[in-house]
Amino acid sequence: MKRFIRLTLSIVCCVLGLAASAQDVRVAAVLDTGVIALGDQTVLRLSAEVVRGKRVSLPALTDTISSKILIAAAGKADTSDLKNGQDLIRIEQAYTITSFEPGLHQVPGFTFEADGKTYTTDPLPLQVTSVQVDTTKAIFDIKQPLGVSYTFLDWLSDNKVLVGAGLLLVLLLGLLWYYFRRRKPAEKPVPQEPVLAAHVEALQKLDELNAKKLWQQGQVKAYYSDLTEILKIYLERRFRISAQEHTTDEILNALKGLEKVDGGLSAADRAALGQILSEADLVKFAKAVPAPGENDLRLAEAIAFVRATGSEAADKTGGKVQ
């Protein structure tokens, strides 16, 4: 009797041990819903319940389950503890699947591996229903896109980086321009040649006229034109009268009121000037031909007139009598 009891207990322990071993790994494949409309989605959940510490490999799915069932998204594997008094954990991974083929499809069984053993789930049915079209209703045109106003502020918001960079560049260029403009050295004033006194300038031009030898070359009229031009410019600068566009008589009348003014003009000086200008008028307008000695004499008289009437006190240009 005792031997029978011990044998019975041994058999029960073996059965219980085999049952416990069989319960080390439990795999499952579940659909959130087994019926979806064409193009809709559902979630396929693959899970394995194993003893903590046991290694298990879930099926590696890519982008399709079958030719008619597609994987739209794949989640990450998640591990959680089972609160059932045993040292078990659950490993689960979810896949979002869809189908564009109406009809009853089969989700195949999936194989798990654990400690060199394989565990396979049962196939699952997936019913994909087609979209019902009410043919009794009229067909409407596709609605056109709604117009949305696009303001300048919207453009600024979309291009704020570009606008900010442009403003920064303009500011930088402005600062550089201002910096280099301030650093630009001041231009040195161009030294101006000192203005010769009226009598000094006239004497130089008379010397140049003498050196040209105009009347000696037969250019008597040109000689007297240059001579009177030099004297008229001198009179304008020295006595502040208008002489260029006036006749000899008008010039002499203008000089009448300047006799002995500033000690620069006398009646004799005015008479000498009248003699020179009158002789020049005869040559220029009456085609008179003076004797050769008279040409040199007129030049000498002009030089003497300028030297006699030139005065540092009356000459506002600051020249000195030579």
C-alpha atoms as a PDB file:
ATOM      1  CA  MET A   1       0.000   0.000   0.000  1.00  0.00           C
ATOM      2  CA  LYS A   2       2.796   2.401   0.863  1.00  0.00           C
ATOM      3  CA  ARG A   3       4.595   1.460  -2.341  1.00  0.00           C
ATOM      4  CA  PHE A   4       1.446   2.308  -4.341  1.00  0.00           C
ATOM      5  CA  ILE A   5       1.122   5.671  -2.657  1.00  0.00           C
ATOM      6  CA  ARG A   6       4.754   6.592  -3.347  1.00  0.00           C
ATOM      7  CA  LEU A   7       4.355   5.550  -6.994  1.00  0.00           C
ATOM      8  CA  THR A   8       1.221   7.636  -7.317  1.00  0.00           C
ATOM      9  CA  LEU A   9       2.913  10.680  -5.810  1.00  0.00           C
ATOM     10  CA  SER A  10       5.862  10.278  -8.159  1.00  0.00           C
ATOM     11  CA  ILE A  11       3.581  10.150 -11.188  1.00  0.00           C
ATOM     12  CA  VAL A  12       1.670  13.266 -10.056  1.00  0.00           C
ATOM     13  CA  CYS A  13       4.902  15.187  -9.529  1.00  0.00           C
ATOM     14  CA  CYS A  14       6.106  14.246 -12.984  1.00  0.00           C
ATOM     15  CA  VAL A  15       2.817  15.348 -14.548  1.00  0.00           C
ATOM     16  CA  LEU A  16       2.900  18.610 -12.632  1.00  0.00           C
ATOM     17  CA  GLY A  17       6.505  19.214 -13.687  1.00  0.00           C
ATOM     18  CA  LEU A  18       5.670  18.566 -17.344  1.00  0.00           C
ATOM     19  CA  ALA A  19       2.702  20.932 -17.107  1.00  0.00           C
ATOM     20  CA  ALA A  20       4.845  23.633 -15.510  1.00  0.00           C
ATOM     21  CA  SER A  21       7.455  23.182 -18.233  1.00  0.00           C
ATOM     22  CA  ALA A  22       4.799  23.501 -20.900  1.00  0.00           C
ATOM     23  CA  GLN A  23       3.627  26.754 -19.298  1.00  0.00           C
ATOM     24  CA  ASP A  24       7.106  28.427 -19.439  1.00  0.00           C
ATOM     25  CA  VAL A  25       6.257  30.024 -22.842  1.00  0.00           C
ATOM     26  CA  ARG A  26       2.830  31.117 -24.028  1.00  0.00           C
ATOM     27  CA  VAL A  27       2.492  32.909 -27.399  1.00  0.00           C
ATOM     28  CA  ALA A  28      -0.515  34.635 -28.920  1.00  0.00           C
ATOM     29  CA  ALA A  29      -1.591  36.742 -31.922  1.00  0.00           C
ATOM     30  CA  VAL A  30      -4.694  38.910 -31.509  1.00  0.00           C
ATOM     31  CA  LEU A  31      -6.465  41.440 -33.750  1.00  0.00           C
ATOM     32  CA  ASP A  32      -8.153  44.459 -32.192  1.00  0.00           C
ATOM     33  CA  THR A  33     -10.969  43.866 -34.662  1.00  0.00           C
ATOM     34  CA  GLY A  34     -11.433  41.183 -37.269  1.00  0.00           C
ATOM     35  CA  VAL A  35     -13.611  43.298 -39.592  1.00  0.00           C
ATOM     36  CA  ILE A  36     -12.456  46.503 -41.283  1.00  0.00           C
ATOM     37  CA  ALA A  37     -13.618  48.588 -44.221  1.00  0.00           C
ATOM     38  CA  LEU A  38     -11.539  48.779 -47.368  1.00  0.00           C
ATOM     39  CA  GLY A  39      -8.428  50.882 -46.639  1.00  0.00           C
ATOM     40  CA  ASP A  40      -9.122  51.108 -42.890  1.00  0.00           C
ATOM     41  CA  GLN A  41      -6.643  49.882 -40.297  1.00  0.00           C
ATOM     42  CA  THR A  42      -6.563  47.546 -37.321  1.00  0.00           C
ATOM     43  CA  VAL A  43      -3.879  46.499 -34.847  1.00  0.00           C
ATOM     44  CA  LEU A  44      -2.223  43.072 -34.763  1.00  0.00           C
ATOM     45  CA  ARG A  45      -0.716  42.310 -31.350  1.00  0.00           C
ATOM     46  CA  LEU A  46       1.935  39.594 -30.996  1.00  0.00           C
ATOM     47  CA  SER A  47       2.776  38.582 -27.421  1.00  0.00           C
ATOM     48  CA  ALA A  48       4.769  36.006 -25.495  1.00  0.00           C
ATOM     49  CA  GLU A  49       4.484  35.164 -21.765  1.00  0.00           C
ATOM     50  CA  VAL A  50       7.707  33.644 -20.448  1.00  0.00           C
ATOM     51  CA  VAL A  51       9.499  33.022 -17.164  1.00  0.00           C
ATOM     52  CA  ARG A  52      11.725  35.922 -16.238  1.00  0.00           C
ATOM     53  CA  GLY A  53      15.235  35.352 -17.569  1.00  0.00           C
ATOM     54  CA  LYS A  54      14.175  33.138 -20.473  1.00  0.00           C
ATOM     55  CA  ARG A  55      15.168  34.493 -23.880  1.00  0.00           C
ATOM     56  CA  VAL A  56      12.492  34.655 -26.526  1.00  0.00           C
ATOM     57  CA  SER A  57      12.549  36.022 -30.102  1.00  0.00           C
ATOM     58  CA  LEU A  58       9.431  37.620 -31.607  1.00  0.00           C
ATOM     59  CA  PRO A  59       8.685  37.259 -35.323  1.00  0.00           C
ATOM     60  CA  ALA A  60      10.434  39.857 -37.488  1.00  0.00           C
ATOM     61  CA  LEU A  61       7.844  41.400 -39.807  1.00  0.00           C
ATOM     62  CA  THR A  62       8.728  43.860 -42.611  1.00  0.00           C
ATOM     63  CA  ASP A  63       6.143  45.679 -44.719  1.00  0.00           C
ATOM     64  CA  THR A  64       3.723  42.935 -45.651  1.00  0.00           C
ATOM     65  CA  ILE A  65       2.041  39.987 -43.959  1.00  0.00           C
ATOM     66  CA  SER A  66       0.624  38.517 -47.136  1.00  0.00           C
ATOM     67  CA  SER A  67      -0.051  39.666 -50.670  1.00  0.00           C
ATOM     68  CA  LYS A  68      -3.345  41.238 -49.500  1.00  0.00           C
ATOM     69  CA  ILE A  69      -2.448  42.440 -46.005  1.00  0.00           C
ATOM     70  CA  LEU A  70       0.019  45.323 -45.583  1.00  0.00           C
ATOM     71  CA  ILE A  71       1.816  46.671 -42.526  1.00  0.00           C
ATOM     72  CA  ALA A  72       1.241  50.429 -42.176  1.00  0.00           C
ATOM     73  CA  ALA A  73       3.305  50.949 -39.000  1.00  0.00           C
ATOM     74  CA  ALA A  74       5.322  48.866 -36.543  1.00  0.00           C
ATOM     75  CA  GLY A  75       5.612  49.593 -32.822  1.00  0.00           C
ATOM     76  CA  LYS A  76       8.443  48.782 -30.479  1.00  0.00           C
ATOM     77  CA  ALA A  77       8.523  45.640 -28.338  1.00  0.00           C
ATOM     78  CA  ASP A  78       7.235  46.303 -24.820  1.00  0.00           C
ATOM     79  CA  THR A  79       7.914  44.207 -21.688  1.00  0.00           C
ATOM     80  CA  SER A  80       5.646  44.129 -18.616  1.00  0.00           C
ATOM     81  CA  ASP A  81       5.299  42.033 -15.444  1.00  0.00           C
ATOM     82  CA  LEU A  82       2.352  39.682 -14.949  1.00  0.00           C
ATOM     83  CA  LYS A  83       0.707  40.060 -11.524  1.00  0.00           C
ATOM     84  CA  ASN A  84      -0.489  36.517 -11.104  1.00  0.00           C
ATOM     85  CA  GLY A  85       1.722  35.280  -8.324  1.00  0.00           C
ATOM     86  CA  GLN A  86       4.254  33.726 -10.756  1.00  0.00           C
ATOM     87  CA  ASP A  87       7.575  35.088 -11.944  1.00  0.00           C
ATOM     88  CA  LEU A  88       6.343  35.694 -15.495  1.00  0.00           C
ATOM     89  CA  ILE A  89       6.714  38.591 -17.913  1.00  0.00           C
ATOM     90  CA  ARG A  90       4.860  39.575 -21.099  1.00  0.00           C
ATOM     91  CA  ILE A  91       6.660  40.736 -24.249  1.00  0.00           C
ATOM     92  CA  GLU A  92       4.328  42.410 -26.757  1.00  0.00           C
ATOM     93  CA  GLN A  93       4.718  44.149 -30.100  1.00  0.00           C
ATOM     94  CA  ALA A  94       1.938  45.850 -32.073  1.00  0.00           C
ATOM     95  CA  TYR A  95       1.624  46.251 -35.842  1.00  0.00           C
ATOM     96  CA  THR A  96      -0.892  48.505 -37.620  1.00  0.00           C
ATOM     97  CA  ILE A  97      -2.171  46.593 -40.666  1.00  0.00           C
ATOM     98  CA  THR A  98      -4.500  47.422 -43.543  1.00  0.00           C
ATOM     99  CA  SER A  99      -5.837  45.950 -46.751  1.00  0.00           C
ATOM    100  CA  PHE A 100      -7.083  47.276 -50.071  1.00  0.00           C
ATOM    101  CA  GLU A 101      -8.554  43.969 -51.243  1.00  0.00           C
ATOM    102  CA  PRO A 102     -12.160  43.272 -50.181  1.00  0.00           C
ATOM    103  CA  GLY A 103     -12.986  39.777 -48.937  1.00  0.00           C
ATOM    104  CA  LEU A 104     -12.080  37.334 -46.178  1.00  0.00           C
ATOM    105  CA  HIS A 105      -8.319  37.129 -45.703  1.00  0.00           C
ATOM    106  CA  GLN A 106      -6.234  35.010 -43.374  1.00  0.00           C
ATOM    107  CA  VAL A 107      -3.543  36.383 -41.092  1.00  0.00           C
ATOM    108  CA  PRO A 108      -1.044  33.481 -40.939  1.00  0.00           C
ATOM    109  CA  GLY A 109       0.349  31.997 -37.773  1.00  0.00           C
ATOM    110  CA  PHE A 110       3.560  33.504 -36.412  1.00  0.00           C
ATOM    111  CA  THR A 111       6.557  31.593 -35.048  1.00  0.00           C
ATOM    112  CA  PHE A 112       8.357  32.539 -31.813  1.00  0.00           C
ATOM    113  CA  GLU A 113      11.693  31.044 -30.685  1.00  0.00           C
ATOM    114  CA  ALA A 114      12.725  30.433 -27.072  1.00  0.00           C
ATOM    115  CA  ASP A 115      15.689  28.338 -25.869  1.00  0.00           C
ATOM    116  CA  GLY A 116      15.963  26.564 -29.230  1.00  0.00           C
ATOM    117  CA  LYS A 117      12.248  25.730 -29.367  1.00  0.00           C
ATOM    118  CA  THR A 118       9.616  27.227 -31.653  1.00  0.00           C
ATOM    119  CA  TYR A 119       6.068  28.222 -30.761  1.00  0.00           C
ATOM    120  CA  THR A 120       3.454  29.079 -33.421  1.00  0.00           C
ATOM    121  CA  THR A 121       0.224  31.025 -33.109  1.00  0.00           C
ATOM    122  CA  ASP A 122      -3.050  30.105 -34.791  1.00  0.00           C
ATOM    123  CA  PRO A 123      -4.108  31.868 -38.028  1.00  0.00           C
ATOM    124  CA  LEU A 124      -6.608  34.714 -37.703  1.00  0.00           C
ATOM    125  CA  PRO A 125      -9.433  35.701 -40.080  1.00  0.00           C
ATOM    126  CA  LEU A 126      -9.627  39.290 -41.330  1.00  0.00           C
ATOM    127  CA  GLN A 127     -12.791  40.437 -43.093  1.00  0.00           C
ATOM    128  CA  VAL A 128     -12.326  43.461 -45.400  1.00  0.00           C
ATOM    129  CA  THR A 129     -15.613  44.993 -46.522  1.00  0.00           C
ATOM    130  CA  SER A 130     -15.928  47.106 -49.651  1.00  0.00           C
ATOM    131  CA  VAL A 131     -17.292  50.668 -49.580  1.00  0.00           C
ATOM    132  CA  GLN A 132     -20.956  50.818 -50.483  1.00  0.00           C
ATOM    133  CA  VAL A 133     -21.768  53.402 -53.154  1.00  0.00           C
ATOM    134  CA  ASP A 134     -25.250  54.814 -53.390  1.00  0.00           C
ATOM    135  CA  THR A 135     -25.834  54.847 -57.141  1.00  0.00           C
ATOM    136  CA  THR A 136     -29.224  56.507 -56.763  1.00  0.00           C
ATOM    137  CA  LYS A 137     -27.625  59.845 -55.854  1.00  0.00           C
ATOM    138  CA  ALA A 138     -26.114  62.275 -58.345  1.00  0.00           C
ATOM    139  CA  ILE A 139     -22.362  62.446 -58.821  1.00  0.00           C
ATOM    140  CA  PHE A 140     -20.886  65.753 -57.725  1.00  0.00           C
ATOM    141  CA  ASP A 141     -17.763  67.441 -59.077  1.00  0.00           C
ATOM    142  CA  ILE A 142     -14.687  67.502 -56.913  1.00  0.00           C
ATOM    143  CA  LYS A 143     -14.674  70.712 -54.912  1.00  0.00           C
ATOM    144  CA  GLN A 144     -11.945  73.144 -55.799  1.00  0.00           C
ATOM    145  CA  PRO A 145      -9.421  74.132 -53.130  1.00  0.00           C
ATOM    146  CA  LEU A 146     -10.500  77.032 -50.979  1.00  0.00           C
ATOM    147  CA  GLY A 147      -8.670  80.289 -51.630  1.00  0.00           C
ATOM    148  CA  VAL A 148      -6.668  81.534 -48.668  1.00  0.00           C
ATOM    149  CA  SER A 149      -5.490  85.149 -48.506  1.00  0.00           C
ATOM    150  CA  TYR A 150      -1.730  85.589 -48.342  1.00  0.00           C
ATOM    151  CA  THR A 151      -0.747  88.935 -46.861  1.00  0.00           C
ATOM    152  CA  PHE A 152       2.573  90.722 -46.618  1.00  0.00           C
ATOM    153  CA  LEU A 153       2.767  89.781 -42.948  1.00  0.00           C
ATOM    154  CA  ASP A 154       2.354  86.131 -43.928  1.00  0.00           C
ATOM    155  CA  TRP A 155       5.224  86.526 -46.395  1.00  0.00           C
ATOM    156  CA  LEU A 156       7.383  88.139 -43.716  1.00  0.00           C
ATOM    157  CA  SER A 157       6.606  85.272 -41.356  1.00  0.00           C
ATOM    158  CA  ASP A 158       7.558  82.699 -43.994  1.00  0.00           C
ATOM    159  CA  ASN A 159      10.748  84.540 -44.958  1.00  0.00           C
ATOM    160  CA  LYS A 160      11.792  86.028 -41.631  1.00  0.00           C
ATOM    161  CA  VAL A 161      15.241  84.451 -41.771  1.00  0.00           C
ATOM    162  CA  LEU A 162      15.915  85.860 -45.233  1.00  0.00           C
ATOM    163  CA  VAL A 163      14.528  89.283 -44.336  1.00  0.00           C
ATOM    164  CA  GLY A 164      16.540  89.371 -41.117  1.00  0.00           C
ATOM    165  CA  ALA A 165      19.731  88.448 -42.967  1.00  0.00           C
ATOM    166  CA  GLY A 166      19.083  91.177 -45.556  1.00  0.00           C
ATOM    167  CA  LEU A 167      18.515  93.834 -42.892  1.00  0.00           C
ATOM    168  CA  LEU A 168      21.631  92.738 -41.044  1.00  0.00           C
ATOM    169  CA  LEU A 169      23.670  92.976 -44.260  1.00  0.00           C
ATOM    170  CA  VAL A 170      22.350  96.476 -44.995  1.00  0.00           C
ATOM    171  CA  LEU A 171      23.160  97.575 -41.442  1.00  0.00           C
ATOM    172  CA  LEU A 172      26.670  96.130 -41.699  1.00  0.00           C
ATOM    173  CA  LEU A 173      27.326  97.871 -45.014  1.00  0.00           C
ATOM    174  CA  GLY A 174      26.053 101.143 -43.562  1.00  0.00           C
ATOM    175  CA  LEU A 175      28.368 100.849 -40.564  1.00  0.00           C
ATOM    176  CA  LEU A 176      31.343 100.054 -42.814  1.00  0.00           C
ATOM    177  CA  TRP A 177      30.560 103.041 -45.034  1.00  0.00           C
ATOM    178  CA  TYR A 178      30.280 105.331 -42.015  1.00  0.00           C
ATOM    179  CA  TYR A 179      33.514 103.961 -40.512  1.00  0.00           C
ATOM    180  CA  PHE A 180      35.629 104.341 -43.645  1.00  0.00           C
ATOM    181  CA  ARG A 181      34.126 107.730 -44.432  1.00  0.00           C
ATOM    182  CA  ARG A 182      35.202 109.037 -41.038  1.00  0.00           C
ATOM    183  CA  ARG A 183      38.659 107.552 -41.504  1.00  0.00           C
ATOM    184  CA  LYS A 184      39.045 109.088 -44.964  1.00  0.00           C
ATOM    185  CA  PRO A 185      41.911 111.587 -44.748  1.00  0.00           C
ATOM    186  CA  ALA A 186      40.997 115.154 -45.380  1.00  0.00           C
ATOM    187  CA  GLU A 187      41.925 116.317 -48.829  1.00  0.00           C
ATOM    188  CA  LYS A 188      44.898 118.604 -48.846  1.00  0.00           C
ATOM    189  CA  PRO A 189      44.072 122.039 -50.192  1.00  0.00           C
ATOM    190  CA  VAL A 190      45.597 122.664 -53.583  1.00  0.00           C
ATOM    191  CA  PRO A 191      48.035 125.494 -53.203  1.00  0.00           C
ATOM    192  CA  GLN A 192      47.020 128.381 -55.365  1.00  0.00           C
ATOM    193  CA  GLU A 193      49.549 130.381 -57.239  1.00  0.00           C
ATOM    194  CA  PRO A 194      49.825 133.894 -55.913  1.00  0.00           C
ATOM    195  CA  VAL A 195      47.990 136.465 -58.020  1.00  0.00           C
ATOM    196  CA  LEU A 196      50.403 138.917 -59.581  1.00  0.00           C
ATOM    197  CA  ALA A 197      49.842 142.596 -59.092  1.00  0.00           C
ATOM    198  CA  ALA A 198      48.197 144.317 -62.030  1.00  0.00           C
ATOM    199  CA  HIS A 199      51.308 146.251 -63.049  1.00  0.00           C
ATOM    200  CA  VAL A 200      53.565 143.210 -62.624  1.00  0.00           C
ATOM    201  CA  GLU A 201      51.351 141.095 -64.841  1.00  0.00           C
ATOM    202  CA  ALA A 202      51.124 143.890 -67.455  1.00  0.00           C
ATOM    203  CA  LEU A 203      54.909 144.342 -67.581  1.00  0.00           C
ATOM    204  CA  GLN A 204      55.427 140.601 -68.052  1.00  0.00           C
ATOM    205  CA  LYS A 205      52.961 140.504 -70.948  1.00  0.00           C
ATOM    206  CA  LEU A 206      54.599 143.555 -72.547  1.00  0.00           C
ATOM    207  CA  ASP A 207      57.959 141.778 -72.370  1.00  0.00           C
ATOM    208  CA  GLU A 208      56.393 138.706 -73.991  1.00  0.00           C
ATOM    209  CA  LEU A 209      54.884 140.882 -76.740  1.00  0.00           C
ATOM    210  CA  ASN A 210      58.295 142.403 -77.454  1.00  0.00           C
ATOM    211  CA  ALA A 211      59.805 138.926 -77.688  1.00  0.00           C
ATOM    212  CA  LYS A 212      57.252 137.811 -80.298  1.00  0.00           C
ATOM    213  CA  LYS A 213      58.631 140.294 -82.883  1.00  0.00           C
ATOM    214  CA  LEU A 214      55.213 140.632 -84.502  1.00  0.00           C
ATOM    215  CA  TRP A 215      55.633 143.936 -86.337  1.00  0.00           C
ATOM    216  CA  GLN A 216      59.095 142.845 -87.501  1.00  0.00           C
ATOM    217  CA  GLN A 217      57.323 139.926 -89.232  1.00  0.00           C
ATOM    218  CA  GLY A 218      54.789 142.195 -90.907  1.00  0.00           C
ATOM    219  CA  GLN A 219      52.017 141.570 -88.346  1.00  0.00           C
ATOM    220  CA  VAL A 220      51.598 145.211 -87.380  1.00  0.00           C
ATOM    221  CA  LYS A 221      47.844 145.030 -86.735  1.00  0.00           C
ATOM    222  CA  ALA A 222      48.238 141.965 -84.480  1.00  0.00           C
ATOM    223  CA  TYR A 223      51.050 143.791 -82.652  1.00  0.00           C
ATOM    224  CA  TYR A 224      48.847 146.804 -81.814  1.00  0.00           C
ATOM    225  CA  SER A 225      45.827 144.592 -80.956  1.00  0.00           C
ATOM    226  CA  ASP A 226      47.878 142.720 -78.360  1.00  0.00           C
ATOM    227  CA  LEU A 227      49.334 145.982 -77.046  1.00  0.00           C
ATOM    228  CA  THR A 228      45.935 147.596 -76.457  1.00  0.00           C
ATOM    229  CA  GLU A 229      44.556 144.348 -74.971  1.00  0.00           C
ATOM    230  CA  ILE A 230      47.346 144.292 -72.359  1.00  0.00           C
ATOM    231  CA  LEU A 231      46.746 147.936 -71.449  1.00  0.00           C
ATOM    232  CA  LYS A 232      42.944 147.528 -71.153  1.00  0.00           C
ATOM    233  CA  ILE A 233      43.274 144.531 -68.824  1.00  0.00           C
ATOM    234  CA  TYR A 234      45.742 146.538 -66.732  1.00  0.00           C
ATOM    235  CA  LEU A 235      43.336 149.492 -66.522  1.00  0.00           C
ATOM    236  CA  GLU A 236      40.448 147.240 -65.386  1.00  0.00           C
ATOM    237  CA  ARG A 237      42.517 145.667 -62.632  1.00  0.00           C
ATOM    238  CA  ARG A 238      44.340 148.817 -61.564  1.00  0.00           C
ATOM    239  CA  PHE A 239      41.575 151.440 -61.709  1.00  0.00           C
ATOM    240  CA  ARG A 240      38.424 149.226 -61.592  1.00  0.00           C
ATOM    241  CA  ILE A 241      36.980 150.621 -64.806  1.00  0.00           C
ATOM    242  CA  SER A 242      35.381 148.781 -67.701  1.00  0.00           C
ATOM    243  CA  ALA A 243      37.809 149.086 -70.620  1.00  0.00           C
ATOM    244  CA  GLN A 244      37.510 145.957 -72.747  1.00  0.00           C
ATOM    245  CA  GLU A 245      34.314 146.924 -74.602  1.00  0.00           C
ATOM    246  CA  HIS A 246      34.839 150.699 -74.666  1.00  0.00           C
ATOM    247  CA  THR A 247      36.387 153.105 -77.144  1.00  0.00           C
ATOM    248  CA  THR A 248      39.509 155.138 -76.504  1.00  0.00           C
ATOM    249  CA  ASP A 249      37.514 158.298 -75.762  1.00  0.00           C
ATOM    250  CA  GLU A 250      35.245 156.446 -73.301  1.00  0.00           C
ATOM    251  CA  ILE A 251      38.268 155.050 -71.503  1.00  0.00           C
ATOM    252  CA  LEU A 252      39.974 158.441 -71.256  1.00  0.00           C
ATOM    253  CA  ASN A 253      36.774 160.077 -69.984  1.00  0.00           C
ATOM    254  CA  ALA A 254      36.456 157.377 -67.316  1.00  0.00           C
ATOM    255  CA  LEU A 255      40.035 158.094 -66.213  1.00  0.00           C
ATOM    256  CA  LYS A 256      39.476 161.858 -65.894  1.00  0.00           C
ATOM    257  CA  GLY A 257      37.972 161.528 -62.476  1.00  0.00           C
ATOM    258  CA  LEU A 258      40.904 159.429 -61.311  1.00  0.00           C
ATOM    259  CA  GLU A 259      43.647 161.967 -61.863  1.00  0.00           C
ATOM    260  CA  LYS A 260      45.894 162.021 -58.806  1.00  0.00           C
ATOM    261  CA  VAL A 261      43.673 159.420 -57.103  1.00  0.00           C
ATOM    262  CA  ASP A 262      45.873 157.236 -54.880  1.00  0.00           C
ATOM    263  CA  GLY A 263      48.801 159.077 -56.430  1.00  0.00           C
ATOM    264  CA  GLY A 264      48.564 156.748 -59.402  1.00  0.00           C
ATOM    265  CA  LEU A 265      47.346 158.759 -62.397  1.00  0.00           C
ATOM    266  CA  SER A 266      48.208 162.231 -63.646  1.00  0.00           C
ATOM    267  CA  ALA A 267      47.138 164.279 -66.639  1.00  0.00           C
ATOM    268  CA  ALA A 268      50.432 163.485 -68.315  1.00  0.00           C
ATOM    269  CA  ASP A 269      49.884 159.783 -67.745  1.00  0.00           C
ATOM    270  CA  ARG A 270      46.398 160.012 -69.227  1.00  0.00           C
ATOM    271  CA  ALA A 271      47.752 161.911 -72.247  1.00  0.00           C
ATOM    272  CA  ALA A 272      50.469 159.272 -72.799  1.00  0.00           C
ATOM    273  CA  LEU A 273      47.870 156.530 -72.680  1.00  0.00           C
ATOM    274  CA  GLY A 274      45.667 158.443 -75.157  1.00  0.00           C
ATOM    275  CA  GLN A 275      48.600 158.724 -77.570  1.00  0.00           C
ATOM    276  CA  ILE A 276      49.192 154.944 -77.455  1.00  0.00           C
ATOM    277  CA  LEU A 277      45.520 153.977 -77.846  1.00  0.00           C
ATOM    278  CA  SER A 278      44.878 156.490 -80.644  1.00  0.00           C
ATOM    279  CA  GLU A 279      47.893 155.260 -82.640  1.00  0.00           C
ATOM    280  CA  ALA A 280      46.658 151.697 -82.188  1.00  0.00           C
ATOM    281  CA  ASP A 281      43.170 152.622 -83.397  1.00  0.00           C
ATOM    282  CA  LEU A 282      44.644 154.121 -86.620  1.00  0.00           C
ATOM    283  CA  VAL A 283      46.506 150.913 -87.302  1.00  0.00           C
ATOM    284  CA  LYS A 284      43.595 148.579 -86.522  1.00  0.00           C
ATOM    285  CA  PHE A 285      40.762 150.494 -88.132  1.00  0.00           C
ATOM    286  CA  ALA A 286      42.331 152.952 -90.634  1.00  0.00           C
ATOM    287  CA  LYS A 287      45.071 150.607 -91.824  1.00  0.00           C
ATOM    288  CA  ALA A 288      47.750 153.129 -90.973  1.00  0.00           C
ATOM    289  CA  VAL A 289      51.373 151.941 -91.262  1.00  0.00           C
ATOM    290  CA  PRO A 290      53.608 153.534 -88.612  1.00  0.00           C
ATOM    291  CA  ALA A 291      57.317 153.952 -89.107  1.00  0.00           C
ATOM    292  CA  PRO A 292      59.401 151.087 -87.600  1.00  0.00           C
ATOM    293  CA  GLY A 293      60.715 153.376 -84.888  1.00  0.00           C
ATOM    294  CA  GLU A 294      57.206 154.324 -83.780  1.00  0.00           C
ATOM    295  CA  ASN A 295      56.313 150.684 -83.069  1.00  0.00           C
ATOM    296  CA  ASP A 296      59.114 150.333 -80.533  1.00  0.00           C
ATOM    297  CA  LEU A 297      58.280 153.776 -79.178  1.00  0.00           C
ATOM    298  CA  ARG A 298      54.643 152.817 -78.488  1.00  0.00           C
ATOM    299  CA  LEU A 299      55.848 149.733 -76.561  1.00  0.00           C
ATOM    300  CA  ALA A 300      58.289 151.831 -74.548  1.00  0.00           C
ATOM    301  CA  GLU A 301      55.538 154.350 -73.779  1.00  0.00           C
ATOM    302  CA  ALA A 302      53.242 151.548 -72.601  1.00  0.00           C
ATOM    303  CA  ILE A 303      55.928 150.190 -70.276  1.00  0.00           C
ATOM    304  CA  ALA A 304      56.556 153.685 -68.898  1.00  0.00           C
ATOM    305  CA  PHE A 305      52.808 154.231 -68.351  1.00  0.00           C
ATOM    306  CA  VAL A 306      52.413 151.015 -66.395  1.00  0.00           C
ATOM    307  CA  ARG A 307      55.461 151.719 -64.244  1.00  0.00           C
ATOM    308  CA  ALA A 308      54.305 155.270 -63.545  1.00  0.00           C
ATOM    309  CA  THR A 309      50.757 154.342 -62.580  1.00  0.00           C
ATOM    310  CA  GLY A 310      51.365 151.051 -60.792  1.00  0.00           C
ATOM    311  CA  SER A 311      51.001 151.516 -57.005  1.00  0.00           C
ATOM    312  CA  GLU A 312      51.008 148.999 -54.136  1.00  0.00           C
ATOM    313  CA  ALA A 313      48.629 151.197 -52.152  1.00  0.00           C
ATOM    314  CA  ALA A 314      45.973 151.321 -54.902  1.00  0.00           C
ATOM    315  CA  ASP A 315      46.473 147.774 -56.163  1.00  0.00           C
ATOM    316  CA  LYS A 316      44.195 145.571 -53.979  1.00  0.00           C
ATOM    317  CA  THR A 317      45.900 142.390 -55.176  1.00  0.00           C
ATOM    318  CA  GLY A 318      48.914 143.047 -53.023  1.00  0.00           C
ATOM    319  CA  GLY A 319      51.523 143.374 -55.764  1.00  0.00           C
ATOM    320  CA  LYS A 320      54.565 145.546 -55.494  1.00  0.00           C
ATOM    321  CA  VAL A 321      55.850 148.101 -57.977  1.00  0.00           C
ATOM    322  CA  GLN A 322      58.914 146.891 -59.810  1.00  0.00           C
END
